[in-house]
Amino acid sequence: SYIDWLITVPLQVVEFYLILAAIGVGTFVMFRNLMAASIVMLVAGFFGESGAMDGTLELSSTVWWIIGMAGWLYILYELWSGDVKKASESGSPGVQFAFTSMRWIVSVGWAIYP
């Protein structure tokens, strides 16, 4: 799963950036923050599930889960209330539809995908 996610999750972040960049409101800071949060989410989830860092860092799987959730919650915050959401509001109805559709995919899809 994680190999797939290392490809698809960053691609979804790129899609948000491209939607906003198409209307001239996407910034590098938005892209960087969303990408960093997605990588934190994925890496922490991998370490928590696999135990790959058990011998190096003495963090329980619960701590890794919390770190991963913090990354996902940051992404959700940006998409629903933060600067990324505010930037999307200046777009046309088509841009707002694309942004909202992607936002629901990330919110619901990532919540139910094991």
PDB file of N, CA and C in Angstrom:
ATOM      1  N   SER A   1       0.814  -1.198   0.000  1.00  0.00           N
ATOM      2  CA  SER A   1       0.000   0.000   0.000  1.00  0.00           C
ATOM      3  C   SER A   1       0.855   1.258   0.000  1.00  0.00           C
ATOM      4  N   TYR A   2       1.922   1.258   0.787  1.00  0.00           N
ATOM      5  CA  TYR A   2       2.700   2.488   0.938  1.00  0.00           C
ATOM      6  C   TYR A   2       3.427   2.880  -0.343  1.00  0.00           C
ATOM      7  N   ILE A   3       3.829   1.912  -1.141  1.00  0.00           N
ATOM      8  CA  ILE A   3       4.465   2.235  -2.421  1.00  0.00           C
ATOM      9  C   ILE A   3       3.455   2.965  -3.308  1.00  0.00           C
ATOM     10  N   ASP A   4       2.242   2.451  -3.361  1.00  0.00           N
ATOM     11  CA  ASP A   4       1.177   3.107  -4.122  1.00  0.00           C
ATOM     12  C   ASP A   4       0.919   4.510  -3.576  1.00  0.00           C
ATOM     13  N   TRP A   5       0.813   4.632  -2.267  1.00  0.00           N
ATOM     14  CA  TRP A   5       0.510   5.929  -1.649  1.00  0.00           C
ATOM     15  C   TRP A   5       1.628   6.941  -1.873  1.00  0.00           C
ATOM     16  N   LEU A   6       2.884   6.474  -1.918  1.00  0.00           N
ATOM     17  CA  LEU A   6       3.994   7.405  -2.167  1.00  0.00           C
ATOM     18  C   LEU A   6       3.909   8.036  -3.555  1.00  0.00           C
ATOM     19  N   ILE A   7       3.131   7.420  -4.424  1.00  0.00           N
ATOM     20  CA  ILE A   7       2.921   7.988  -5.756  1.00  0.00           C
ATOM     21  C   ILE A   7       1.612   8.779  -5.804  1.00  0.00           C
ATOM     22  N   THR A   8       0.522   8.164  -5.362  1.00  0.00           N
ATOM     23  CA  THR A   8      -0.794   8.784  -5.542  1.00  0.00           C
ATOM     24  C   THR A   8      -1.044   9.977  -4.626  1.00  0.00           C
ATOM     25  N   VAL A   9      -0.586   9.913  -3.388  1.00  0.00           N
ATOM     26  CA  VAL A   9      -0.836  11.025  -2.460  1.00  0.00           C
ATOM     27  C   VAL A   9      -0.132  12.301  -2.922  1.00  0.00           C
ATOM     28  N   PRO A  10       1.159  12.262  -3.226  1.00  0.00           N
ATOM     29  CA  PRO A  10       1.781  13.486  -3.753  1.00  0.00           C
ATOM     30  C   PRO A  10       1.145  13.967  -5.061  1.00  0.00           C
ATOM     31  N   LEU A  11       0.678  13.045  -5.897  1.00  0.00           N
ATOM     32  CA  LEU A  11       0.011  13.463  -7.130  1.00  0.00           C
ATOM     33  C   LEU A  11      -1.274  14.231  -6.832  1.00  0.00           C
ATOM     34  N   GLN A  12      -1.996  13.815  -5.800  1.00  0.00           N
ATOM     35  CA  GLN A  12      -3.200  14.554  -5.432  1.00  0.00           C
ATOM     36  C   GLN A  12      -2.850  15.938  -4.904  1.00  0.00           C
ATOM     37  N   VAL A  13      -1.762  16.045  -4.168  1.00  0.00           N
ATOM     38  CA  VAL A  13      -1.303  17.359  -3.706  1.00  0.00           C
ATOM     39  C   VAL A  13      -0.936  18.231  -4.908  1.00  0.00           C
ATOM     40  N   VAL A  14      -0.266  17.645  -5.879  1.00  0.00           N
ATOM     41  CA  VAL A  14       0.090  18.389  -7.090  1.00  0.00           C
ATOM     42  C   VAL A  14      -1.177  18.860  -7.810  1.00  0.00           C
ATOM     43  N   GLU A  15      -2.213  18.023  -7.829  1.00  0.00           N
ATOM     44  CA  GLU A  15      -3.467  18.423  -8.473  1.00  0.00           C
ATOM     45  C   GLU A  15      -4.077  19.650  -7.807  1.00  0.00           C
ATOM     46  N   PHE A  16      -4.070  19.697  -6.482  1.00  0.00           N
ATOM     47  CA  PHE A  16      -4.578  20.891  -5.796  1.00  0.00           C
ATOM     48  C   PHE A  16      -3.774  22.117  -6.208  1.00  0.00           C
ATOM     49  N   TYR A  17      -2.467  21.964  -6.226  1.00  0.00           N
ATOM     50  CA  TYR A  17      -1.620  23.090  -6.614  1.00  0.00           C
ATOM     51  C   TYR A  17      -1.909  23.521  -8.051  1.00  0.00           C
ATOM     52  N   LEU A  18      -2.036  22.572  -8.963  1.00  0.00           N
ATOM     53  CA  LEU A  18      -2.282  22.915 -10.367  1.00  0.00           C
ATOM     54  C   LEU A  18      -3.630  23.601 -10.561  1.00  0.00           C
ATOM     55  N   ILE A  19      -4.637  23.158  -9.809  1.00  0.00           N
ATOM     56  CA  ILE A  19      -5.943  23.822  -9.882  1.00  0.00           C
ATOM     57  C   ILE A  19      -5.799  25.287  -9.479  1.00  0.00           C
ATOM     58  N   LEU A  20      -5.083  25.535  -8.391  1.00  0.00           N
ATOM     59  CA  LEU A  20      -4.920  26.908  -7.911  1.00  0.00           C
ATOM     60  C   LEU A  20      -3.960  27.702  -8.789  1.00  0.00           C
ATOM     61  N   ALA A  21      -2.920  27.053  -9.289  1.00  0.00           N
ATOM     62  CA  ALA A  21      -1.966  27.752 -10.158  1.00  0.00           C
ATOM     63  C   ALA A  21      -2.624  28.165 -11.472  1.00  0.00           C
ATOM     64  N   ALA A  22      -3.595  27.387 -11.928  1.00  0.00           N
ATOM     65  CA  ALA A  22      -4.279  27.704 -13.182  1.00  0.00           C
ATOM     66  C   ALA A  22      -5.018  29.036 -13.108  1.00  0.00           C
ATOM     67  N   ILE A  23      -5.423  29.424 -11.911  1.00  0.00           N
ATOM     68  CA  ILE A  23      -6.110  30.715 -11.767  1.00  0.00           C
ATOM     69  C   ILE A  23      -5.200  31.766 -11.137  1.00  0.00           C
ATOM     70  N   GLY A  24      -3.927  31.421 -10.985  1.00  0.00           N
ATOM     71  CA  GLY A  24      -2.945  32.397 -10.524  1.00  0.00           C
ATOM     72  C   GLY A  24      -2.892  32.632  -9.034  1.00  0.00           C
ATOM     73  N   VAL A  25      -3.465  31.729  -8.240  1.00  0.00           N
ATOM     74  CA  VAL A  25      -3.450  31.931  -6.785  1.00  0.00           C
ATOM     75  C   VAL A  25      -2.662  30.860  -6.041  1.00  0.00           C
ATOM     76  N   GLY A  26      -2.190  29.846  -6.741  1.00  0.00           N
ATOM     77  CA  GLY A  26      -1.377  28.811  -6.107  1.00  0.00           C
ATOM     78  C   GLY A  26       0.017  29.336  -5.824  1.00  0.00           C
ATOM     79  N   THR A  27       0.494  29.132  -4.608  1.00  0.00           N
ATOM     80  CA  THR A  27       1.833  29.595  -4.249  1.00  0.00           C
ATOM     81  C   THR A  27       2.724  28.406  -3.917  1.00  0.00           C
ATOM     82  N   PHE A  28       4.019  28.643  -3.993  1.00  0.00           N
ATOM     83  CA  PHE A  28       4.971  27.601  -3.629  1.00  0.00           C
ATOM     84  C   PHE A  28       4.805  27.206  -2.167  1.00  0.00           C
ATOM     85  N   VAL A  29       4.503  28.163  -1.309  1.00  0.00           N
ATOM     86  CA  VAL A  29       4.330  27.871   0.122  1.00  0.00           C
ATOM     87  C   VAL A  29       3.164  26.905   0.330  1.00  0.00           C
ATOM     88  N   MET A  30       2.061  27.118  -0.365  1.00  0.00           N
ATOM     89  CA  MET A  30       0.924  26.191  -0.266  1.00  0.00           C
ATOM     90  C   MET A  30       1.340  24.793  -0.708  1.00  0.00           C
ATOM     91  N   PHE A  31       2.005  24.724  -1.857  1.00  0.00           N
ATOM     92  CA  PHE A  31       2.454  23.438  -2.380  1.00  0.00           C
ATOM     93  C   PHE A  31       3.396  22.752  -1.401  1.00  0.00           C
ATOM     94  N   ARG A  32       4.401  23.496  -0.932  1.00  0.00           N
ATOM     95  CA  ARG A  32       5.397  22.933  -0.015  1.00  0.00           C
ATOM     96  C   ARG A  32       4.744  22.409   1.257  1.00  0.00           C
ATOM     97  N   ASN A  33       3.845  23.183   1.843  1.00  0.00           N
ATOM     98  CA  ASN A  33       3.215  22.779   3.100  1.00  0.00           C
ATOM     99  C   ASN A  33       2.335  21.545   2.926  1.00  0.00           C
ATOM    100  N   LEU A  34       1.555  21.505   1.856  1.00  0.00           N
ATOM    101  CA  LEU A  34       0.721  20.327   1.613  1.00  0.00           C
ATOM    102  C   LEU A  34       1.569  19.094   1.318  1.00  0.00           C
ATOM    103  N   MET A  35       2.638  19.269   0.536  1.00  0.00           N
ATOM    104  CA  MET A  35       3.510  18.138   0.213  1.00  0.00           C
ATOM    105  C   MET A  35       4.221  17.632   1.466  1.00  0.00           C
ATOM    106  N   ALA A  36       4.728  18.540   2.288  1.00  0.00           N
ATOM    107  CA  ALA A  36       5.408  18.137   3.525  1.00  0.00           C
ATOM    108  C   ALA A  36       4.444  17.396   4.446  1.00  0.00           C
ATOM    109  N   ALA A  37       3.228  17.896   4.582  1.00  0.00           N
ATOM    110  CA  ALA A  37       2.248  17.235   5.445  1.00  0.00           C
ATOM    111  C   ALA A  37       1.905  15.848   4.915  1.00  0.00           C
ATOM    112  N   SER A  38       1.807  15.700   3.600  1.00  0.00           N
ATOM    113  CA  SER A  38       1.488  14.384   3.046  1.00  0.00           C
ATOM    114  C   SER A  38       2.633  13.403   3.266  1.00  0.00           C
ATOM    115  N   ILE A  39       3.865  13.876   3.157  1.00  0.00           N
ATOM    116  CA  ILE A  39       5.017  12.999   3.394  1.00  0.00           C
ATOM    117  C   ILE A  39       5.105  12.619   4.866  1.00  0.00           C
ATOM    118  N   VAL A  40       4.874  13.572   5.762  1.00  0.00           N
ATOM    119  CA  VAL A  40       4.851  13.267   7.202  1.00  0.00           C
ATOM    120  C   VAL A  40       3.792  12.210   7.482  1.00  0.00           C
ATOM    121  N   MET A  41       2.608  12.385   6.911  1.00  0.00           N
ATOM    122  CA  MET A  41       1.513  11.440   7.115  1.00  0.00           C
ATOM    123  C   MET A  41       1.911  10.038   6.651  1.00  0.00           C
ATOM    124  N   LEU A  42       2.484   9.936   5.467  1.00  0.00           N
ATOM    125  CA  LEU A  42       2.841   8.630   4.916  1.00  0.00           C
ATOM    126  C   LEU A  42       3.993   7.970   5.659  1.00  0.00           C
ATOM    127  N   VAL A  43       5.039   8.721   5.928  1.00  0.00           N
ATOM    128  CA  VAL A  43       6.218   8.153   6.594  1.00  0.00           C
ATOM    129  C   VAL A  43       5.869   7.714   8.014  1.00  0.00           C
ATOM    130  N   ALA A  44       5.136   8.547   8.739  1.00  0.00           N
ATOM    131  CA  ALA A  44       4.751   8.179  10.104  1.00  0.00           C
ATOM    132  C   ALA A  44       3.846   6.952  10.099  1.00  0.00           C
ATOM    133  N   GLY A  45       2.923   6.894   9.156  1.00  0.00           N
ATOM    134  CA  GLY A  45       2.056   5.718   9.057  1.00  0.00           C
ATOM    135  C   GLY A  45       2.848   4.456   8.765  1.00  0.00           C
ATOM    136  N   PHE A  46       3.810   4.558   7.868  1.00  0.00           N
ATOM    137  CA  PHE A  46       4.651   3.408   7.542  1.00  0.00           C
ATOM    138  C   PHE A  46       5.447   2.950   8.758  1.00  0.00           C
ATOM    139  N   PHE A  47       6.094   3.901   9.450  1.00  0.00           N
ATOM    140  CA  PHE A  47       6.887   3.531  10.625  1.00  0.00           C
ATOM    141  C   PHE A  47       6.017   2.919  11.713  1.00  0.00           C
ATOM    142  N   GLY A  48       4.833   3.468  11.911  1.00  0.00           N
ATOM    143  CA  GLY A  48       3.940   2.936  12.935  1.00  0.00           C
ATOM    144  C   GLY A  48       3.447   1.543  12.619  1.00  0.00           C
ATOM    145  N   GLU A  49       3.115   1.311  11.360  1.00  0.00           N
ATOM    146  CA  GLU A  49       2.580   0.011  10.975  1.00  0.00           C
ATOM    147  C   GLU A  49       3.657  -1.052  10.852  1.00  0.00           C
ATOM    148  N   SER A  50       4.791  -0.690  10.285  1.00  0.00           N
ATOM    149  CA  SER A  50       5.825  -1.686  10.006  1.00  0.00           C
ATOM    150  C   SER A  50       6.781  -1.923  11.164  1.00  0.00           C
ATOM    151  N   GLY A  51       6.887  -0.949  12.057  1.00  0.00           N
ATOM    152  CA  GLY A  51       7.866  -1.057  13.127  1.00  0.00           C
ATOM    153  C   GLY A  51       9.284  -0.861  12.638  1.00  0.00           C
ATOM    154  N   ALA A  52       9.455  -0.261  11.462  1.00  0.00           N
ATOM    155  CA  ALA A  52      10.773  -0.102  10.846  1.00  0.00           C
ATOM    156  C   ALA A  52      11.730   0.726  11.690  1.00  0.00           C
ATOM    157  N   MET A  53      11.220   1.583  12.539  1.00  0.00           N
ATOM    158  CA  MET A  53      12.087   2.437  13.356  1.00  0.00           C
ATOM    159  C   MET A  53      12.147   1.979  14.813  1.00  0.00           C
ATOM    160  N   ASP A  54      11.628   0.797  15.102  1.00  0.00           N
ATOM    161  CA  ASP A  54      11.575   0.332  16.489  1.00  0.00           C
ATOM    162  C   ASP A  54      12.943   0.274  17.150  1.00  0.00           C
ATOM    163  N   GLY A  55      13.966  -0.120  16.423  1.00  0.00           N
ATOM    164  CA  GLY A  55      15.296  -0.214  17.005  1.00  0.00           C
ATOM    165  C   GLY A  55      16.026   1.109  17.066  1.00  0.00           C
ATOM    166  N   THR A  56      15.562   2.088  16.316  1.00  0.00           N
ATOM    167  CA  THR A  56      16.234   3.386  16.230  1.00  0.00           C
ATOM    168  C   THR A  56      15.582   4.421  17.133  1.00  0.00           C
ATOM    169  N   LEU A  57      14.296   4.566  16.990  1.00  0.00           N
ATOM    170  CA  LEU A  57      13.537   5.511  17.817  1.00  0.00           C
ATOM    171  C   LEU A  57      12.554   4.727  18.670  1.00  0.00           C
ATOM    172  N   GLU A  58      12.527   5.020  19.926  1.00  0.00           N
ATOM    173  CA  GLU A  58      11.635   4.298  20.833  1.00  0.00           C
ATOM    174  C   GLU A  58      10.272   4.985  20.896  1.00  0.00           C
ATOM    175  N   LEU A  59       9.594   5.011  19.771  1.00  0.00           N
ATOM    176  CA  LEU A  59       8.255   5.580  19.716  1.00  0.00           C
ATOM    177  C   LEU A  59       7.267   4.452  19.463  1.00  0.00           C
ATOM    178  N   SER A  60       6.180   4.465  20.197  1.00  0.00           N
ATOM    179  CA  SER A  60       5.178   3.424  20.007  1.00  0.00           C
ATOM    180  C   SER A  60       4.411   3.673  18.714  1.00  0.00           C
ATOM    181  N   SER A  61       3.708   2.653  18.278  1.00  0.00           N
ATOM    182  CA  SER A  61       2.907   2.806  17.064  1.00  0.00           C
ATOM    183  C   SER A  61       1.837   3.874  17.253  1.00  0.00           C
ATOM    184  N   THR A  62       1.396   4.071  18.481  1.00  0.00           N
ATOM    185  CA  THR A  62       0.406   5.117  18.758  1.00  0.00           C
ATOM    186  C   THR A  62       0.986   6.501  18.502  1.00  0.00           C
ATOM    187  N   VAL A  63       2.233   6.716  18.883  1.00  0.00           N
ATOM    188  CA  VAL A  63       2.877   8.015  18.643  1.00  0.00           C
ATOM    189  C   VAL A  63       3.031   8.245  17.144  1.00  0.00           C
ATOM    190  N   TRP A  64       3.442   7.216  16.408  1.00  0.00           N
ATOM    191  CA  TRP A  64       3.548   7.357  14.954  1.00  0.00           C
ATOM    192  C   TRP A  64       2.182   7.648  14.345  1.00  0.00           C
ATOM    193  N   TRP A  65       1.140   7.010  14.856  1.00  0.00           N
ATOM    194  CA  TRP A  65      -0.218   7.258  14.375  1.00  0.00           C
ATOM    195  C   TRP A  65      -0.602   8.716  14.607  1.00  0.00           C
ATOM    196  N   ILE A  66      -0.295   9.239  15.791  1.00  0.00           N
ATOM    197  CA  ILE A  66      -0.605  10.635  16.115  1.00  0.00           C
ATOM    198  C   ILE A  66       0.144  11.581  15.171  1.00  0.00           C
ATOM    199  N   ILE A  67       1.409  11.288  14.908  1.00  0.00           N
ATOM    200  CA  ILE A  67       2.198  12.125  13.990  1.00  0.00           C
ATOM    201  C   ILE A  67       1.583  12.089  12.586  1.00  0.00           C
ATOM    202  N   GLY A  68       1.236  10.897  12.129  1.00  0.00           N
ATOM    203  CA  GLY A  68       0.611  10.764  10.812  1.00  0.00           C
ATOM    204  C   GLY A  68      -0.729  11.480  10.732  1.00  0.00           C
ATOM    205  N   MET A  69      -1.527  11.356  11.785  1.00  0.00           N
ATOM    206  CA  MET A  69      -2.820  12.042  11.821  1.00  0.00           C
ATOM    207  C   MET A  69      -2.647  13.552  11.828  1.00  0.00           C
ATOM    208  N   ALA A  70      -1.601  14.035  12.485  1.00  0.00           N
ATOM    209  CA  ALA A  70      -1.341  15.483  12.491  1.00  0.00           C
ATOM    210  C   ALA A  70      -1.104  15.976  11.062  1.00  0.00           C
ATOM    211  N   GLY A  71      -0.372  15.197  10.271  1.00  0.00           N
ATOM    212  CA  GLY A  71      -0.160  15.561   8.870  1.00  0.00           C
ATOM    213  C   GLY A  71      -1.463  15.604   8.093  1.00  0.00           C
ATOM    214  N   TRP A  72      -2.301  14.580   8.281  1.00  0.00           N
ATOM    215  CA  TRP A  72      -3.583  14.525   7.569  1.00  0.00           C
ATOM    216  C   TRP A  72      -4.513  15.639   8.024  1.00  0.00           C
ATOM    217  N   LEU A  73      -4.561  15.901   9.323  1.00  0.00           N
ATOM    218  CA  LEU A  73      -5.421  16.971   9.836  1.00  0.00           C
ATOM    219  C   LEU A  73      -4.975  18.339   9.333  1.00  0.00           C
ATOM    220  N   TYR A  74      -3.672  18.539   9.195  1.00  0.00           N
ATOM    221  CA  TYR A  74      -3.190  19.799   8.619  1.00  0.00           C
ATOM    222  C   TYR A  74      -3.683  19.944   7.176  1.00  0.00           C
ATOM    223  N   ILE A  75      -3.595  18.864   6.409  1.00  0.00           N
ATOM    224  CA  ILE A  75      -4.083  18.900   5.028  1.00  0.00           C
ATOM    225  C   ILE A  75      -5.573  19.232   5.012  1.00  0.00           C
ATOM    226  N   LEU A  76      -6.349  18.559   5.866  1.00  0.00           N
ATOM    227  CA  LEU A  76      -7.784  18.835   5.923  1.00  0.00           C
ATOM    228  C   LEU A  76      -8.060  20.279   6.320  1.00  0.00           C
ATOM    229  N   TYR A  77      -7.312  20.787   7.282  1.00  0.00           N
ATOM    230  CA  TYR A  77      -7.491  22.180   7.689  1.00  0.00           C
ATOM    231  C   TYR A  77      -7.268  23.117   6.499  1.00  0.00           C
ATOM    232  N   GLU A  78      -6.175  22.923   5.791  1.00  0.00           N
ATOM    233  CA  GLU A  78      -5.872  23.797   4.651  1.00  0.00           C
ATOM    234  C   GLU A  78      -6.949  23.710   3.570  1.00  0.00           C
ATOM    235  N   LEU A  79      -7.468  22.517   3.334  1.00  0.00           N
ATOM    236  CA  LEU A  79      -8.453  22.339   2.272  1.00  0.00           C
ATOM    237  C   LEU A  79      -9.837  22.850   2.646  1.00  0.00           C
ATOM    238  N   TRP A  80     -10.171  22.823   3.933  1.00  0.00           N
ATOM    239  CA  TRP A  80     -11.513  23.220   4.363  1.00  0.00           C
ATOM    240  C   TRP A  80     -11.578  24.626   4.951  1.00  0.00           C
ATOM    241  N   SER A  81     -10.467  25.136   5.525  1.00  0.00           N
ATOM    242  CA  SER A  81     -10.523  26.427   6.217  1.00  0.00           C
ATOM    243  C   SER A  81      -9.319  27.317   5.989  1.00  0.00           C
ATOM    244  N   GLY A  82      -8.210  26.778   5.592  1.00  0.00           N
ATOM    245  CA  GLY A  82      -6.953  27.521   5.550  1.00  0.00           C
ATOM    246  C   GLY A  82      -6.763  28.357   4.298  1.00  0.00           C
ATOM    247  N   ASP A  83      -5.516  28.736   4.079  1.00  0.00           N
ATOM    248  CA  ASP A  83      -5.158  29.585   2.942  1.00  0.00           C
ATOM    249  C   ASP A  83      -5.476  28.931   1.599  1.00  0.00           C
ATOM    250  N   VAL A  84      -5.339  27.618   1.529  1.00  0.00           N
ATOM    251  CA  VAL A  84      -5.625  26.918   0.276  1.00  0.00           C
ATOM    252  C   VAL A  84      -7.111  27.060  -0.066  1.00  0.00           C
ATOM    253  N   LYS A  85      -7.971  26.869   0.920  1.00  0.00           N
ATOM    254  CA  LYS A  85      -9.419  27.033   0.713  1.00  0.00           C
ATOM    255  C   LYS A  85      -9.740  28.459   0.307  1.00  0.00           C
ATOM    256  N   LYS A  86      -9.163  29.421   1.012  1.00  0.00           N
ATOM    257  CA  LYS A  86      -9.434  30.832   0.708  1.00  0.00           C
ATOM    258  C   LYS A  86      -8.987  31.183  -0.707  1.00  0.00           C
ATOM    259  N   ALA A  87      -7.857  30.655  -1.120  1.00  0.00           N
ATOM    260  CA  ALA A  87      -7.367  30.921  -2.475  1.00  0.00           C
ATOM    261  C   ALA A  87      -8.306  30.338  -3.524  1.00  0.00           C
ATOM    262  N   SER A  88      -8.889  29.185  -3.236  1.00  0.00           N
ATOM    263  CA  SER A  88      -9.772  28.538  -4.214  1.00  0.00           C
ATOM    264  C   SER A  88     -11.052  29.330  -4.441  1.00  0.00           C
ATOM    265  N   GLU A  89     -11.449  30.126  -3.477  1.00  0.00           N
ATOM    266  CA  GLU A  89     -12.704  30.870  -3.579  1.00  0.00           C
ATOM    267  C   GLU A  89     -12.671  31.944  -4.659  1.00  0.00           C
ATOM    268  N   SER A  90     -11.486  32.316  -5.112  1.00  0.00           N
ATOM    269  CA  SER A  90     -11.391  33.347  -6.149  1.00  0.00           C
ATOM    270  C   SER A  90     -11.532  32.768  -7.554  1.00  0.00           C
ATOM    271  N   GLY A  91     -11.677  31.464  -7.649  1.00  0.00           N
ATOM    272  CA  GLY A  91     -11.770  30.820  -8.955  1.00  0.00           C
ATOM    273  C   GLY A  91     -13.179  30.810  -9.514  1.00  0.00           C
ATOM    274  N   SER A  92     -13.268  30.421 -10.754  1.00  0.00           N
ATOM    275  CA  SER A  92     -14.556  30.297 -11.441  1.00  0.00           C
ATOM    276  C   SER A  92     -15.347  29.140 -10.831  1.00  0.00           C
ATOM    277  N   PRO A  93     -16.630  29.031 -11.170  1.00  0.00           N
ATOM    278  CA  PRO A  93     -17.404  27.885 -10.678  1.00  0.00           C
ATOM    279  C   PRO A  93     -16.777  26.537 -11.061  1.00  0.00           C
ATOM    280  N   GLY A  94     -16.181  26.451 -12.246  1.00  0.00           N
ATOM    281  CA  GLY A  94     -15.524  25.208 -12.662  1.00  0.00           C
ATOM    282  C   GLY A  94     -14.327  24.871 -11.797  1.00  0.00           C
ATOM    283  N   VAL A  95     -13.537  25.878 -11.471  1.00  0.00           N
ATOM    284  CA  VAL A  95     -12.378  25.685 -10.590  1.00  0.00           C
ATOM    285  C   VAL A  95     -12.851  25.284  -9.205  1.00  0.00           C
ATOM    286  N   GLN A  96     -13.864  25.952  -8.709  1.00  0.00           N
ATOM    287  CA  GLN A  96     -14.376  25.623  -7.383  1.00  0.00           C
ATOM    288  C   GLN A  96     -14.959  24.216  -7.351  1.00  0.00           C
ATOM    289  N   PHE A  97     -15.609  23.793  -8.435  1.00  0.00           N
ATOM    290  CA  PHE A  97     -16.131  22.431  -8.510  1.00  0.00           C
ATOM    291  C   PHE A  97     -14.990  21.415  -8.469  1.00  0.00           C
ATOM    292  N   ALA A  98     -13.939  21.653  -9.250  1.00  0.00           N
ATOM    293  CA  ALA A  98     -12.787  20.742  -9.266  1.00  0.00           C
ATOM    294  C   ALA A  98     -12.129  20.684  -7.895  1.00  0.00           C
ATOM    295  N   PHE A  99     -11.945  21.839  -7.274  1.00  0.00           N
ATOM    296  CA  PHE A  99     -11.324  21.893  -5.957  1.00  0.00           C
ATOM    297  C   PHE A  99     -12.176  21.154  -4.926  1.00  0.00           C
ATOM    298  N   THR A 100     -13.479  21.422  -4.933  1.00  0.00           N
ATOM    299  CA  THR A 100     -14.377  20.783  -3.966  1.00  0.00           C
ATOM    300  C   THR A 100     -14.419  19.274  -4.176  1.00  0.00           C
ATOM    301  N   SER A 101     -14.435  18.829  -5.420  1.00  0.00           N
ATOM    302  CA  SER A 101     -14.437  17.386  -5.699  1.00  0.00           C
ATOM    303  C   SER A 101     -13.177  16.727  -5.161  1.00  0.00           C
ATOM    304  N   MET A 102     -12.029  17.333  -5.428  1.00  0.00           N
ATOM    305  CA  MET A 102     -10.767  16.796  -4.919  1.00  0.00           C
ATOM    306  C   MET A 102     -10.737  16.818  -3.391  1.00  0.00           C
ATOM    307  N   ARG A 103     -11.274  17.871  -2.819  1.00  0.00           N
ATOM    308  CA  ARG A 103     -11.297  17.990  -1.356  1.00  0.00           C
ATOM    309  C   ARG A 103     -12.102  16.849  -0.741  1.00  0.00           C
ATOM    310  N   TRP A 104     -13.240  16.501  -1.340  1.00  0.00           N
ATOM    311  CA  TRP A 104     -14.043  15.393  -0.822  1.00  0.00           C
ATOM    312  C   TRP A 104     -13.329  14.054  -1.007  1.00  0.00           C
ATOM    313  N   ILE A 105     -12.629  13.891  -2.116  1.00  0.00           N
ATOM    314  CA  ILE A 105     -11.876  12.650  -2.333  1.00  0.00           C
ATOM    315  C   ILE A 105     -10.830  12.476  -1.239  1.00  0.00           C
ATOM    316  N   VAL A 106     -10.105  13.546  -0.931  1.00  0.00           N
ATOM    317  CA  VAL A 106      -9.078  13.474   0.112  1.00  0.00           C
ATOM    318  C   VAL A 106      -9.715  13.265   1.482  1.00  0.00           C
ATOM    319  N   SER A 107     -10.799  13.939   1.759  1.00  0.00           N
ATOM    320  CA  SER A 107     -11.418  13.845   3.083  1.00  0.00           C
ATOM    321  C   SER A 107     -12.050  12.484   3.325  1.00  0.00           C
ATOM    322  N   VAL A 108     -12.892  12.053   2.416  1.00  0.00           N
ATOM    323  CA  VAL A 108     -13.614  10.793   2.605  1.00  0.00           C
ATOM    324  C   VAL A 108     -12.767   9.606   2.151  1.00  0.00           C
ATOM    325  N   GLY A 109     -12.172   9.736   0.984  1.00  0.00           N
ATOM    326  CA  GLY A 109     -11.388   8.624   0.444  1.00  0.00           C
ATOM    327  C   GLY A 109     -10.242   8.209   1.334  1.00  0.00           C
ATOM    328  N   TRP A 110      -9.505   9.190   1.837  1.00  0.00           N
ATOM    329  CA  TRP A 110      -8.383   8.863   2.713  1.00  0.00           C
ATOM    330  C   TRP A 110      -8.855   8.369   4.075  1.00  0.00           C
ATOM    331  N   ALA A 111     -10.052   8.762   4.498  1.00  0.00           N
ATOM    332  CA  ALA A 111     -10.565   8.318   5.797  1.00  0.00           C
ATOM    333  C   ALA A 111     -10.982   6.848   5.767  1.00  0.00           C
ATOM    334  N   ILE A 112     -11.519   6.396   4.639  1.00  0.00           N
ATOM    335  CA  ILE A 112     -12.034   5.026   4.598  1.00  0.00           C
ATOM    336  C   ILE A 112     -11.072   4.031   3.966  1.00  0.00           C
ATOM    337  N   TYR A 113     -10.034   4.517   3.292  1.00  0.00           N
ATOM    338  CA  TYR A 113      -9.096   3.601   2.648  1.00  0.00           C
ATOM    339  C   TYR A 113      -8.148   3.048   3.700  1.00  0.00           C
ATOM    340  N   PRO A 114      -8.089   1.719   3.832  1.00  0.00           N
ATOM    341  CA  PRO A 114      -7.283   1.130   4.918  1.00  0.00           C
ATOM    342  C   PRO A 114      -5.798   1.296   4.755  1.00  0.00           C
TER     343      PRO A 114
END
